[in-house]
Amino acid sequence: MADCQQERWCLPRALIPEVAQEATNRYLDIYERIVGKPLATADETATGGNVANRLVSNLVKAGLMKDAWVNIVMGSPADKEHCQKIRSFFEGYEVFTQLRVCSAHKNGEEIGPMAEVWNRSIEPGVIIAVAGLSNGLGGALAANVNVPVISCPPWKDYAELAMNLNSSVIMPSGTPNLTVVRPDNAAQAALRALNTPRLRERLRQEIAATKAKLRAADAELKAL
């Protein structure tokens, strides 16, 4: 009997909605008394009522994190310059970027712990894989993460590009690795894959500005 009672007391209990709401109200009241102003909460419409979305929104508003991230993973430190070039195209977009080094062939066991962190992120993310010759990195990452993976192999000339390309675009099932050749396009593809309302609006404005610029050039030249 004692064992049954002890087990019953250990079972998790869920608060009924009325009690949960009252607890929420009290915590909000305590917060306002301490800091002198109401707790700023994310707009329910903007976050879809999702707790994780509200958490991200509030942390972003507080300046504690970005609303999206891109990790650029290189197979060798020798590819650092190529990775920094890709990274430069994210400047001004307010996206968190980070450079990492991991070789699919030489220390592939590190992919698992990295993937565990990325797979649990509450904000959207994209991984850009940078590996030449035999690109096992892009596929290994794509097979282990739940975010988009874009391979952007380094190359010095078209001969090297042609040699590297097959290993990036031909992947087995379950490894949805995408391949983009130009560093600027890899960054642009990543921004689109993040698919946040803020970035979509920014990209819409950039596309409209490009169209306006071309229309202006057309009007100027046809008048000659």
N, C-alpha and C. Protein backbone atom coordinates (compact mmCIF):
# COMPACT_ATOMS: atom_id res chain seq x y z
N MET A 1 0.83 -1.20 0.00
CA MET A 1 0.00 0.00 0.00
C MET A 1 0.87 1.25 0.00
N ALA A 2 1.91 1.23 0.82
CA ALA A 2 2.82 2.37 0.89
C ALA A 2 3.49 2.60 -0.44
N ASP A 3 3.89 1.48 -1.10
CA ASP A 3 4.54 1.59 -2.40
C ASP A 3 3.61 2.22 -3.41
N CYS A 4 2.32 1.84 -3.38
CA CYS A 4 1.34 2.39 -4.31
C CYS A 4 1.15 3.88 -4.07
N GLN A 5 1.09 4.28 -2.80
CA GLN A 5 0.92 5.69 -2.48
C GLN A 5 2.14 6.50 -2.93
N GLN A 6 3.31 5.95 -2.67
CA GLN A 6 4.54 6.65 -3.06
C GLN A 6 4.60 6.81 -4.57
N GLU A 7 4.22 5.75 -5.31
CA GLU A 7 4.23 5.83 -6.76
C GLU A 7 3.22 6.85 -7.25
N ARG A 8 2.04 6.90 -6.62
CA ARG A 8 1.00 7.84 -7.04
C ARG A 8 1.44 9.28 -6.81
N TRP A 9 2.13 9.50 -5.70
CA TRP A 9 2.59 10.86 -5.40
C TRP A 9 3.68 11.29 -6.37
N CYS A 10 4.40 10.34 -6.96
CA CYS A 10 5.47 10.67 -7.89
C CYS A 10 4.98 10.97 -9.30
N LEU A 11 3.72 10.63 -9.57
CA LEU A 11 3.20 10.87 -10.91
C LEU A 11 3.10 12.37 -11.17
N PRO A 12 3.45 12.82 -12.38
CA PRO A 12 3.34 14.25 -12.70
C PRO A 12 1.88 14.70 -12.72
N ARG A 13 1.61 15.89 -12.25
CA ARG A 13 0.25 16.42 -12.22
C ARG A 13 0.14 17.60 -13.18
N ALA A 14 -0.97 17.66 -13.89
CA ALA A 14 -1.22 18.77 -14.80
C ALA A 14 -2.22 19.72 -14.16
N LEU A 15 -1.94 21.01 -14.25
CA LEU A 15 -2.84 22.01 -13.70
C LEU A 15 -4.06 22.17 -14.61
N ILE A 16 -5.22 22.33 -14.00
CA ILE A 16 -6.40 22.61 -14.81
C ILE A 16 -6.26 24.01 -15.40
N PRO A 17 -6.88 24.30 -16.55
CA PRO A 17 -6.69 25.60 -17.23
C PRO A 17 -6.91 26.81 -16.33
N GLU A 18 -7.91 26.74 -15.44
CA GLU A 18 -8.21 27.89 -14.57
C GLU A 18 -7.05 28.17 -13.62
N VAL A 19 -6.48 27.11 -13.07
CA VAL A 19 -5.36 27.28 -12.13
C VAL A 19 -4.12 27.76 -12.88
N ALA A 20 -3.88 27.21 -14.08
CA ALA A 20 -2.73 27.64 -14.87
C ALA A 20 -2.84 29.12 -15.23
N GLN A 21 -4.02 29.56 -15.60
CA GLN A 21 -4.21 30.97 -15.95
C GLN A 21 -4.01 31.88 -14.75
N GLU A 22 -4.50 31.44 -13.59
CA GLU A 22 -4.31 32.23 -12.37
C GLU A 22 -2.83 32.33 -12.01
N ALA A 23 -2.10 31.22 -12.17
CA ALA A 23 -0.66 31.24 -11.90
C ALA A 23 0.05 32.19 -12.87
N THR A 24 -0.35 32.16 -14.13
CA THR A 24 0.22 33.08 -15.12
C THR A 24 -0.02 34.52 -14.74
N ASN A 25 -1.25 34.82 -14.35
CA ASN A 25 -1.60 36.20 -13.97
C ASN A 25 -0.77 36.68 -12.78
N ARG A 26 -0.56 35.80 -11.83
CA ARG A 26 0.20 36.18 -10.64
C ARG A 26 1.67 36.43 -10.98
N TYR A 27 2.25 35.57 -11.82
CA TYR A 27 3.63 35.78 -12.23
C TYR A 27 3.78 37.09 -13.01
N LEU A 28 2.83 37.38 -13.87
CA LEU A 28 2.88 38.63 -14.63
C LEU A 28 2.76 39.84 -13.70
N ASP A 29 1.92 39.70 -12.67
CA ASP A 29 1.76 40.79 -11.70
C ASP A 29 3.05 40.99 -10.91
N ILE A 30 3.69 39.89 -10.49
CA ILE A 30 4.95 39.98 -9.75
C ILE A 30 6.02 40.63 -10.62
N TYR A 31 6.09 40.23 -11.89
CA TYR A 31 7.07 40.81 -12.81
C TYR A 31 6.88 42.33 -12.90
N GLU A 32 5.63 42.77 -13.06
CA GLU A 32 5.36 44.20 -13.22
C GLU A 32 5.70 44.97 -11.94
N ARG A 33 5.45 44.36 -10.78
CA ARG A 33 5.78 45.01 -9.51
C ARG A 33 7.29 45.18 -9.34
N ILE A 34 8.06 44.18 -9.82
CA ILE A 34 9.50 44.22 -9.65
C ILE A 34 10.17 45.19 -10.61
N VAL A 35 9.82 45.12 -11.89
CA VAL A 35 10.51 45.92 -12.91
C VAL A 35 9.80 47.22 -13.22
N GLY A 36 8.59 47.37 -12.76
CA GLY A 36 7.88 48.64 -12.95
C GLY A 36 7.16 48.78 -14.27
N LYS A 37 7.11 47.73 -15.07
CA LYS A 37 6.37 47.77 -16.33
C LYS A 37 5.93 46.36 -16.69
N PRO A 38 4.87 46.24 -17.51
CA PRO A 38 4.37 44.90 -17.87
C PRO A 38 5.39 44.12 -18.69
N LEU A 39 5.31 42.81 -18.59
CA LEU A 39 6.17 41.94 -19.39
C LEU A 39 5.77 42.05 -20.86
N ALA A 40 6.73 42.36 -21.72
CA ALA A 40 6.45 42.44 -23.16
C ALA A 40 6.33 41.04 -23.73
N THR A 41 5.17 40.73 -24.29
CA THR A 41 4.94 39.42 -24.88
C THR A 41 4.81 39.54 -26.38
N ALA A 42 5.18 38.48 -27.08
CA ALA A 42 5.10 38.50 -28.54
C ALA A 42 3.66 38.48 -29.00
N ASP A 43 3.41 39.08 -30.14
CA ASP A 43 2.07 39.10 -30.71
C ASP A 43 1.65 37.68 -31.09
N GLU A 44 0.46 37.25 -30.62
CA GLU A 44 0.00 35.89 -30.87
C GLU A 44 -0.18 35.62 -32.36
N THR A 45 -0.62 36.64 -33.09
CA THR A 45 -0.84 36.44 -34.52
C THR A 45 0.48 36.20 -35.24
N ALA A 46 1.49 36.99 -34.88
CA ALA A 46 2.79 36.88 -35.55
C ALA A 46 3.48 35.56 -35.24
N THR A 47 3.25 35.02 -34.03
CA THR A 47 3.94 33.79 -33.63
C THR A 47 3.07 32.56 -33.75
N GLY A 48 1.82 32.75 -34.18
CA GLY A 48 0.94 31.60 -34.34
C GLY A 48 0.56 30.93 -33.03
N GLY A 49 0.72 31.63 -31.91
CA GLY A 49 0.38 31.05 -30.62
C GLY A 49 1.35 29.97 -30.17
N ASN A 50 2.47 29.81 -30.85
CA ASN A 50 3.43 28.77 -30.55
C ASN A 50 4.41 29.26 -29.49
N VAL A 51 4.62 28.43 -28.45
CA VAL A 51 5.48 28.83 -27.34
C VAL A 51 6.91 29.07 -27.82
N ALA A 52 7.43 28.17 -28.66
CA ALA A 52 8.80 28.32 -29.16
C ALA A 52 8.94 29.60 -29.97
N ASN A 53 7.93 29.90 -30.79
CA ASN A 53 7.97 31.12 -31.59
C ASN A 53 7.95 32.36 -30.70
N ARG A 54 7.15 32.32 -29.63
CA ARG A 54 7.10 33.46 -28.70
C ARG A 54 8.44 33.63 -28.00
N LEU A 55 9.06 32.50 -27.65
CA LEU A 55 10.36 32.55 -26.98
C LEU A 55 11.39 33.20 -27.88
N VAL A 56 11.45 32.78 -29.14
CA VAL A 56 12.39 33.37 -30.09
C VAL A 56 12.12 34.86 -30.25
N SER A 57 10.84 35.20 -30.43
CA SER A 57 10.47 36.61 -30.64
C SER A 57 10.91 37.49 -29.49
N ASN A 58 10.69 37.03 -28.26
CA ASN A 58 11.07 37.83 -27.09
C ASN A 58 12.58 37.93 -26.92
N LEU A 59 13.31 36.84 -27.21
CA LEU A 59 14.76 36.88 -27.11
C LEU A 59 15.36 37.79 -28.18
N VAL A 60 14.76 37.78 -29.37
CA VAL A 60 15.23 38.67 -30.43
C VAL A 60 14.97 40.12 -30.06
N LYS A 61 13.77 40.40 -29.53
CA LYS A 61 13.44 41.77 -29.12
C LYS A 61 14.38 42.27 -28.04
N ALA A 62 14.81 41.36 -27.18
CA ALA A 62 15.73 41.74 -26.09
C ALA A 62 17.17 41.85 -26.57
N GLY A 63 17.41 41.52 -27.84
CA GLY A 63 18.77 41.60 -28.38
C GLY A 63 19.69 40.48 -27.93
N LEU A 64 19.11 39.38 -27.45
CA LEU A 64 19.90 38.26 -26.93
C LEU A 64 20.22 37.21 -27.99
N MET A 65 19.52 37.28 -29.12
CA MET A 65 19.77 36.32 -30.18
C MET A 65 19.24 36.87 -31.50
N LYS A 66 19.65 36.25 -32.61
CA LYS A 66 19.12 36.58 -33.92
C LYS A 66 17.93 35.65 -34.20
N ASP A 67 17.11 36.04 -35.16
CA ASP A 67 15.94 35.22 -35.44
C ASP A 67 16.21 34.09 -36.43
N ALA A 68 17.45 33.96 -36.89
CA ALA A 68 17.81 32.89 -37.81
C ALA A 68 19.33 32.72 -37.80
N TRP A 69 19.80 31.54 -38.22
CA TRP A 69 21.24 31.30 -38.20
C TRP A 69 21.69 30.53 -39.44
N VAL A 70 22.96 30.72 -39.77
CA VAL A 70 23.61 29.97 -40.85
C VAL A 70 24.98 29.52 -40.35
N ASN A 71 25.21 28.23 -40.37
CA ASN A 71 26.52 27.69 -40.02
C ASN A 71 27.23 27.28 -41.30
N ILE A 72 28.43 27.78 -41.50
CA ILE A 72 29.23 27.46 -42.68
C ILE A 72 30.30 26.47 -42.23
N VAL A 73 30.16 25.23 -42.69
CA VAL A 73 31.04 24.16 -42.24
C VAL A 73 32.03 23.81 -43.34
N MET A 74 33.30 23.91 -43.05
CA MET A 74 34.34 23.61 -44.04
C MET A 74 35.02 22.29 -43.70
N GLY A 75 35.41 21.57 -44.73
CA GLY A 75 36.08 20.29 -44.50
C GLY A 75 37.52 20.43 -44.10
N SER A 76 38.11 21.62 -44.36
CA SER A 76 39.52 21.86 -44.04
C SER A 76 39.72 23.34 -43.78
N PRO A 77 40.62 23.71 -42.85
CA PRO A 77 40.92 25.13 -42.62
C PRO A 77 41.43 25.82 -43.87
N ALA A 78 41.91 25.05 -44.84
CA ALA A 78 42.39 25.63 -46.09
C ALA A 78 41.27 26.32 -46.86
N ASP A 79 40.02 25.98 -46.54
CA ASP A 79 38.86 26.57 -47.22
C ASP A 79 38.31 27.80 -46.51
N LYS A 80 39.07 28.30 -45.52
CA LYS A 80 38.60 29.43 -44.71
C LYS A 80 38.28 30.65 -45.56
N GLU A 81 39.14 30.98 -46.52
CA GLU A 81 38.93 32.17 -47.34
C GLU A 81 37.61 32.07 -48.13
N HIS A 82 37.35 30.90 -48.68
CA HIS A 82 36.12 30.68 -49.43
C HIS A 82 34.90 30.85 -48.51
N CYS A 83 35.01 30.32 -47.30
CA CYS A 83 33.92 30.42 -46.33
C CYS A 83 33.68 31.86 -45.89
N GLN A 84 34.76 32.60 -45.68
CA GLN A 84 34.62 34.00 -45.29
C GLN A 84 33.96 34.81 -46.40
N LYS A 85 34.24 34.44 -47.64
CA LYS A 85 33.60 35.11 -48.77
C LYS A 85 32.11 34.87 -48.75
N ILE A 86 31.70 33.63 -48.50
CA ILE A 86 30.27 33.32 -48.38
C ILE A 86 29.66 34.12 -47.24
N ARG A 87 30.36 34.12 -46.11
CA ARG A 87 29.85 34.80 -44.92
C ARG A 87 29.64 36.30 -45.16
N SER A 88 30.48 36.89 -45.98
CA SER A 88 30.39 38.33 -46.21
C SER A 88 29.06 38.73 -46.86
N PHE A 89 28.44 37.82 -47.58
CA PHE A 89 27.19 38.13 -48.27
C PHE A 89 25.99 38.15 -47.32
N PHE A 90 26.19 37.77 -46.06
CA PHE A 90 25.11 37.84 -45.07
C PHE A 90 25.12 39.15 -44.29
N GLU A 91 26.14 39.97 -44.53
CA GLU A 91 26.23 41.24 -43.80
C GLU A 91 25.02 42.12 -44.11
N GLY A 92 24.44 42.68 -43.06
CA GLY A 92 23.29 43.55 -43.22
C GLY A 92 21.95 42.84 -43.14
N TYR A 93 21.96 41.51 -43.11
CA TYR A 93 20.70 40.76 -43.05
C TYR A 93 20.30 40.35 -41.63
N GLU A 94 21.12 40.69 -40.64
CA GLU A 94 20.83 40.39 -39.24
C GLU A 94 20.59 38.89 -39.01
N VAL A 95 21.47 38.09 -39.59
CA VAL A 95 21.42 36.64 -39.41
C VAL A 95 22.70 36.20 -38.70
N PHE A 96 22.57 35.35 -37.69
CA PHE A 96 23.75 34.84 -36.99
C PHE A 96 24.50 33.87 -37.90
N THR A 97 25.80 34.09 -38.05
CA THR A 97 26.62 33.19 -38.85
C THR A 97 27.80 32.70 -38.03
N GLN A 98 28.25 31.50 -38.35
CA GLN A 98 29.37 30.90 -37.62
C GLN A 98 30.15 29.99 -38.56
N LEU A 99 31.47 29.98 -38.41
CA LEU A 99 32.32 29.10 -39.19
C LEU A 99 32.71 27.89 -38.34
N ARG A 100 32.62 26.70 -38.94
CA ARG A 100 33.02 25.47 -38.25
C ARG A 100 33.92 24.64 -39.17
N VAL A 101 34.70 23.75 -38.58
CA VAL A 101 35.57 22.86 -39.35
C VAL A 101 35.26 21.42 -38.97
N CYS A 102 34.95 20.61 -39.97
CA CYS A 102 34.70 19.19 -39.73
C CYS A 102 34.88 18.43 -41.03
N SER A 103 35.73 17.44 -41.03
CA SER A 103 35.97 16.63 -42.21
C SER A 103 35.14 15.36 -42.13
N ALA A 104 34.35 15.12 -43.16
CA ALA A 104 33.52 13.90 -43.17
C ALA A 104 34.38 12.65 -43.16
N HIS A 105 35.59 12.75 -43.71
CA HIS A 105 36.46 11.58 -43.81
C HIS A 105 37.40 11.43 -42.61
N LYS A 106 37.86 12.54 -42.05
CA LYS A 106 38.91 12.47 -41.04
C LYS A 106 38.41 12.57 -39.60
N ASN A 107 37.31 13.29 -39.36
CA ASN A 107 36.73 13.31 -38.01
C ASN A 107 35.22 13.42 -38.10
N GLY A 108 34.64 12.54 -38.92
CA GLY A 108 33.20 12.55 -39.13
C GLY A 108 32.39 12.29 -37.89
N GLU A 109 33.02 11.73 -36.85
CA GLU A 109 32.29 11.49 -35.60
C GLU A 109 31.82 12.78 -34.94
N GLU A 110 32.41 13.91 -35.34
CA GLU A 110 32.01 15.20 -34.77
C GLU A 110 30.68 15.70 -35.35
N ILE A 111 30.25 15.11 -36.46
CA ILE A 111 29.00 15.57 -37.08
C ILE A 111 27.81 15.31 -36.17
N GLY A 112 27.81 14.17 -35.49
CA GLY A 112 26.70 13.81 -34.61
C GLY A 112 26.43 14.85 -33.53
N PRO A 113 27.43 15.22 -32.72
CA PRO A 113 27.20 16.24 -31.68
C PRO A 113 26.78 17.59 -32.26
N MET A 114 27.37 17.97 -33.41
CA MET A 114 26.97 19.22 -34.04
C MET A 114 25.51 19.16 -34.46
N ALA A 115 25.14 18.04 -35.09
CA ALA A 115 23.77 17.87 -35.56
C ALA A 115 22.77 17.91 -34.41
N GLU A 116 23.15 17.35 -33.27
CA GLU A 116 22.26 17.35 -32.11
C GLU A 116 21.91 18.78 -31.69
N VAL A 117 22.88 19.67 -31.71
CA VAL A 117 22.64 21.07 -31.35
C VAL A 117 21.77 21.75 -32.40
N TRP A 118 22.12 21.58 -33.66
CA TRP A 118 21.37 22.23 -34.74
C TRP A 118 19.94 21.71 -34.81
N ASN A 119 19.74 20.42 -34.61
CA ASN A 119 18.40 19.84 -34.71
C ASN A 119 17.47 20.31 -33.61
N ARG A 120 18.03 20.77 -32.51
CA ARG A 120 17.21 21.22 -31.38
C ARG A 120 17.03 22.74 -31.34
N SER A 121 17.58 23.44 -32.32
CA SER A 121 17.45 24.90 -32.32
C SER A 121 15.99 25.30 -32.49
N ILE A 122 15.59 26.33 -31.79
CA ILE A 122 14.19 26.77 -31.86
C ILE A 122 13.99 27.81 -32.95
N GLU A 123 15.08 28.37 -33.46
CA GLU A 123 14.98 29.33 -34.56
C GLU A 123 15.39 28.63 -35.86
N PRO A 124 14.92 29.10 -37.02
CA PRO A 124 15.27 28.46 -38.29
C PRO A 124 16.75 28.60 -38.61
N GLY A 125 17.29 27.59 -39.27
CA GLY A 125 18.70 27.61 -39.62
C GLY A 125 18.98 26.94 -40.94
N VAL A 126 20.16 27.19 -41.47
CA VAL A 126 20.64 26.59 -42.71
C VAL A 126 22.11 26.28 -42.54
N ILE A 127 22.57 25.20 -43.12
CA ILE A 127 23.99 24.84 -43.10
C ILE A 127 24.54 24.92 -44.52
N ILE A 128 25.69 25.58 -44.66
CA ILE A 128 26.40 25.61 -45.93
C ILE A 128 27.66 24.78 -45.78
N ALA A 129 27.78 23.74 -46.61
CA ALA A 129 28.93 22.86 -46.55
C ALA A 129 29.95 23.24 -47.61
N VAL A 130 31.20 23.34 -47.19
CA VAL A 130 32.27 23.73 -48.12
C VAL A 130 33.32 22.62 -48.11
N ALA A 131 33.34 21.84 -49.18
CA ALA A 131 34.31 20.75 -49.30
C ALA A 131 34.57 20.48 -50.77
N GLY A 132 35.83 20.40 -51.14
CA GLY A 132 36.18 20.12 -52.52
C GLY A 132 36.54 18.66 -52.73
N LEU A 133 37.00 18.35 -53.92
CA LEU A 133 37.39 16.98 -54.29
C LEU A 133 36.22 16.02 -54.03
N SER A 134 36.35 15.12 -53.08
CA SER A 134 35.25 14.20 -52.77
C SER A 134 34.40 14.80 -51.66
N ASN A 135 33.26 15.37 -52.05
CA ASN A 135 32.43 16.09 -51.08
C ASN A 135 31.54 15.13 -50.30
N GLY A 136 32.12 14.51 -49.28
CA GLY A 136 31.31 13.69 -48.39
C GLY A 136 30.63 14.51 -47.32
N LEU A 137 31.12 15.74 -47.10
CA LEU A 137 30.62 16.57 -46.00
C LEU A 137 29.17 16.98 -46.20
N GLY A 138 28.84 17.48 -47.41
CA GLY A 138 27.48 17.93 -47.65
C GLY A 138 26.46 16.82 -47.43
N GLY A 139 26.75 15.64 -47.97
CA GLY A 139 25.84 14.52 -47.80
C GLY A 139 25.75 14.04 -46.37
N ALA A 140 26.89 13.98 -45.68
CA ALA A 140 26.89 13.52 -44.29
C ALA A 140 26.09 14.47 -43.40
N LEU A 141 26.22 15.76 -43.66
CA LEU A 141 25.44 16.73 -42.89
C LEU A 141 23.96 16.61 -43.22
N ALA A 142 23.64 16.54 -44.51
CA ALA A 142 22.24 16.48 -44.93
C ALA A 142 21.54 15.24 -44.38
N ALA A 143 22.27 14.15 -44.21
CA ALA A 143 21.67 12.92 -43.70
C ALA A 143 21.42 12.97 -42.19
N ASN A 144 22.01 13.95 -41.51
CA ASN A 144 21.92 13.97 -40.04
C ASN A 144 21.21 15.17 -39.46
N VAL A 145 20.89 16.17 -40.26
CA VAL A 145 20.26 17.38 -39.72
C VAL A 145 18.87 17.57 -40.29
N ASN A 146 18.05 18.32 -39.55
CA ASN A 146 16.67 18.57 -39.99
C ASN A 146 16.48 19.97 -40.56
N VAL A 147 17.57 20.58 -41.00
CA VAL A 147 17.53 21.89 -41.64
C VAL A 147 18.16 21.76 -43.03
N PRO A 148 17.92 22.71 -43.94
CA PRO A 148 18.50 22.61 -45.27
C PRO A 148 20.03 22.65 -45.25
N VAL A 149 20.63 21.87 -46.15
CA VAL A 149 22.09 21.87 -46.32
C VAL A 149 22.39 22.25 -47.76
N ILE A 150 23.24 23.26 -47.93
CA ILE A 150 23.64 23.74 -49.25
C ILE A 150 25.14 23.58 -49.38
N SER A 151 25.57 22.83 -50.38
CA SER A 151 27.01 22.69 -50.64
C SER A 151 27.46 23.78 -51.60
N CYS A 152 28.57 24.41 -51.27
CA CYS A 152 29.18 25.41 -52.14
C CYS A 152 30.67 25.09 -52.22
N PRO A 153 31.04 24.16 -53.10
CA PRO A 153 32.44 23.68 -53.14
C PRO A 153 33.40 24.77 -53.61
N PRO A 154 34.59 24.82 -53.03
CA PRO A 154 35.60 25.79 -53.47
C PRO A 154 36.21 25.34 -54.80
N TRP A 155 36.52 26.29 -55.67
CA TRP A 155 37.15 25.95 -56.94
C TRP A 155 37.93 27.14 -57.46
N LYS A 156 39.04 26.83 -58.15
CA LYS A 156 39.91 27.88 -58.67
C LYS A 156 39.67 28.13 -60.16
N ASP A 157 39.25 27.11 -60.87
CA ASP A 157 38.97 27.25 -62.30
C ASP A 157 37.89 26.25 -62.68
N TYR A 158 37.41 26.34 -63.93
CA TYR A 158 36.31 25.49 -64.35
C TYR A 158 36.70 24.02 -64.40
N ALA A 159 37.97 23.73 -64.64
CA ALA A 159 38.43 22.34 -64.65
C ALA A 159 38.26 21.73 -63.25
N GLU A 160 38.67 22.48 -62.23
CA GLU A 160 38.53 21.99 -60.86
C GLU A 160 37.06 21.89 -60.48
N LEU A 161 36.26 22.86 -60.92
CA LEU A 161 34.83 22.83 -60.63
C LEU A 161 34.19 21.58 -61.23
N ALA A 162 34.51 21.29 -62.49
CA ALA A 162 33.94 20.12 -63.15
C ALA A 162 34.32 18.83 -62.42
N MET A 163 35.54 18.80 -61.89
CA MET A 163 36.02 17.62 -61.17
C MET A 163 35.28 17.46 -59.84
N ASN A 164 34.97 18.58 -59.17
CA ASN A 164 34.35 18.54 -57.85
C ASN A 164 32.83 18.37 -57.90
N LEU A 165 32.23 18.80 -58.99
CA LEU A 165 30.78 18.97 -59.02
C LEU A 165 30.02 17.66 -58.83
N ASN A 166 30.46 16.61 -59.50
CA ASN A 166 29.72 15.34 -59.40
C ASN A 166 29.58 14.84 -57.97
N SER A 167 30.63 15.02 -57.18
CA SER A 167 30.58 14.52 -55.80
C SER A 167 29.62 15.34 -54.94
N SER A 168 29.21 16.51 -55.42
CA SER A 168 28.28 17.34 -54.66
C SER A 168 26.83 17.14 -55.09
N VAL A 169 26.62 16.89 -56.38
CA VAL A 169 25.25 16.83 -56.89
C VAL A 169 24.68 15.42 -56.92
N ILE A 170 25.53 14.40 -56.93
CA ILE A 170 25.03 13.02 -56.95
C ILE A 170 25.12 12.45 -55.54
N MET A 171 23.96 12.31 -54.89
CA MET A 171 23.89 11.85 -53.51
C MET A 171 22.94 10.66 -53.41
N PRO A 172 23.16 9.78 -52.44
CA PRO A 172 22.24 8.66 -52.23
C PRO A 172 20.93 9.14 -51.61
N SER A 173 19.94 8.26 -51.55
CA SER A 173 18.65 8.62 -50.95
C SER A 173 18.82 8.99 -49.48
N GLY A 174 17.98 9.88 -49.02
CA GLY A 174 18.05 10.29 -47.62
C GLY A 174 19.11 11.31 -47.33
N THR A 175 19.75 11.85 -48.37
CA THR A 175 20.77 12.89 -48.19
C THR A 175 20.44 14.08 -49.08
N PRO A 176 19.44 14.88 -48.70
CA PRO A 176 18.97 15.98 -49.55
C PRO A 176 19.91 17.19 -49.56
N ASN A 177 21.11 16.97 -50.06
CA ASN A 177 22.09 18.04 -50.15
C ASN A 177 21.87 18.84 -51.43
N LEU A 178 21.78 20.15 -51.30
CA LEU A 178 21.64 21.03 -52.45
C LEU A 178 23.01 21.59 -52.82
N THR A 179 23.21 21.95 -54.06
CA THR A 179 24.50 22.47 -54.49
C THR A 179 24.34 23.78 -55.24
N VAL A 180 25.09 24.79 -54.82
CA VAL A 180 25.12 26.09 -55.47
C VAL A 180 26.58 26.46 -55.68
N VAL A 181 26.94 26.84 -56.89
CA VAL A 181 28.34 27.05 -57.24
C VAL A 181 28.88 28.39 -56.76
N ARG A 182 28.14 29.48 -57.00
CA ARG A 182 28.64 30.80 -56.65
C ARG A 182 28.43 31.10 -55.16
N PRO A 183 29.43 31.65 -54.47
CA PRO A 183 29.28 31.99 -53.05
C PRO A 183 28.13 32.96 -52.77
N ASP A 184 27.94 33.97 -53.64
CA ASP A 184 26.86 34.92 -53.41
C ASP A 184 25.50 34.25 -53.55
N ASN A 185 25.37 33.35 -54.53
CA ASN A 185 24.12 32.64 -54.71
C ASN A 185 23.87 31.63 -53.58
N ALA A 186 24.94 31.07 -53.02
CA ALA A 186 24.78 30.17 -51.89
C ALA A 186 24.18 30.92 -50.70
N ALA A 187 24.68 32.13 -50.47
CA ALA A 187 24.14 32.95 -49.39
C ALA A 187 22.69 33.34 -49.66
N GLN A 188 22.40 33.73 -50.90
CA GLN A 188 21.03 34.10 -51.26
C GLN A 188 20.09 32.90 -51.14
N ALA A 189 20.55 31.73 -51.52
CA ALA A 189 19.74 30.52 -51.38
C ALA A 189 19.45 30.24 -49.91
N ALA A 190 20.45 30.45 -49.06
CA ALA A 190 20.28 30.22 -47.63
C ALA A 190 19.25 31.19 -47.04
N LEU A 191 19.31 32.45 -47.45
CA LEU A 191 18.35 33.44 -46.96
C LEU A 191 16.92 33.06 -47.33
N ARG A 192 16.76 32.54 -48.54
CA ARG A 192 15.43 32.12 -48.97
C ARG A 192 14.99 30.86 -48.24
N ALA A 193 15.92 29.95 -47.98
CA ALA A 193 15.59 28.72 -47.27
C ALA A 193 15.18 28.99 -45.82
N LEU A 194 15.72 30.06 -45.22
CA LEU A 194 15.33 30.43 -43.86
C LEU A 194 13.86 30.79 -43.80
N ASN A 195 13.36 31.45 -44.86
CA ASN A 195 11.92 31.63 -45.06
C ASN A 195 11.21 32.34 -43.90
N THR A 196 11.87 33.31 -43.28
CA THR A 196 11.20 34.07 -42.23
C THR A 196 10.48 35.26 -42.86
N PRO A 197 9.38 35.73 -42.26
CA PRO A 197 8.66 36.88 -42.83
C PRO A 197 9.56 38.10 -43.02
N ARG A 198 10.46 38.34 -42.05
CA ARG A 198 11.34 39.50 -42.15
C ARG A 198 12.25 39.40 -43.37
N LEU A 199 12.86 38.25 -43.56
CA LEU A 199 13.77 38.09 -44.69
C LEU A 199 13.03 38.06 -46.02
N ARG A 200 11.85 37.48 -46.04
CA ARG A 200 11.07 37.44 -47.27
C ARG A 200 10.69 38.85 -47.71
N GLU A 201 10.34 39.70 -46.76
CA GLU A 201 10.01 41.08 -47.11
C GLU A 201 11.25 41.82 -47.60
N ARG A 202 12.38 41.60 -46.95
CA ARG A 202 13.63 42.23 -47.38
C ARG A 202 13.99 41.79 -48.80
N LEU A 203 13.87 40.52 -49.09
CA LEU A 203 14.19 40.01 -50.42
C LEU A 203 13.19 40.51 -51.46
N ARG A 204 11.92 40.63 -51.06
CA ARG A 204 10.92 41.18 -51.99
C ARG A 204 11.29 42.59 -52.41
N GLN A 205 11.74 43.39 -51.44
CA GLN A 205 12.14 44.76 -51.74
C GLN A 205 13.36 44.78 -52.65
N GLU A 206 14.30 43.89 -52.42
CA GLU A 206 15.51 43.84 -53.26
C GLU A 206 15.17 43.44 -54.69
N ILE A 207 14.27 42.48 -54.84
CA ILE A 207 13.85 42.06 -56.18
C ILE A 207 13.15 43.20 -56.90
N ALA A 208 12.28 43.92 -56.18
CA ALA A 208 11.58 45.06 -56.77
C ALA A 208 12.55 46.15 -57.19
N ALA A 209 13.57 46.39 -56.37
CA ALA A 209 14.57 47.42 -56.69
C ALA A 209 15.36 47.03 -57.94
N THR A 210 15.68 45.75 -58.08
CA THR A 210 16.40 45.29 -59.28
C THR A 210 15.56 45.48 -60.53
N LYS A 211 14.28 45.16 -60.44
CA LYS A 211 13.39 45.33 -61.59
C LYS A 211 13.26 46.80 -61.96
N ALA A 212 13.16 47.67 -60.95
CA ALA A 212 13.04 49.10 -61.21
C ALA A 212 14.30 49.64 -61.89
N LYS A 213 15.45 49.15 -61.43
CA LYS A 213 16.73 49.58 -62.02
C LYS A 213 16.82 49.17 -63.48
N LEU A 214 16.38 47.96 -63.80
CA LEU A 214 16.42 47.49 -65.19
C LEU A 214 15.42 48.26 -66.07
N ARG A 215 14.26 48.56 -65.51
CA ARG A 215 13.28 49.35 -66.28
C ARG A 215 13.83 50.73 -66.58
N ALA A 216 14.52 51.33 -65.61
CA ALA A 216 15.10 52.66 -65.80
C ALA A 216 16.19 52.61 -66.87
N ALA A 217 17.01 51.56 -66.84
CA ALA A 217 18.07 51.42 -67.84
C ALA A 217 17.48 51.22 -69.23
N ASP A 218 16.40 50.48 -69.31
CA ASP A 218 15.73 50.25 -70.59
C ASP A 218 15.17 51.55 -71.16
N ALA A 219 14.53 52.33 -70.28
CA ALA A 219 13.94 53.59 -70.72
C ALA A 219 15.02 54.56 -71.19
N GLU A 220 16.16 54.57 -70.50
CA GLU A 220 17.25 55.47 -70.88
C GLU A 220 17.85 55.07 -72.22
N LEU A 221 18.07 53.78 -72.43
CA LEU A 221 18.74 53.33 -73.66
C LEU A 221 17.83 53.37 -74.88
N LYS A 222 16.59 53.12 -74.70
CA LYS A 222 15.71 53.12 -75.87
C LYS A 222 15.43 54.54 -76.37
N ALA A 223 15.74 55.53 -75.54
CA ALA A 223 15.54 56.93 -75.94
C ALA A 223 16.72 57.46 -76.73
N LEU A 224 17.81 56.71 -76.81
CA LEU A 224 18.98 57.19 -77.53
C LEU A 224 18.75 57.18 -79.04
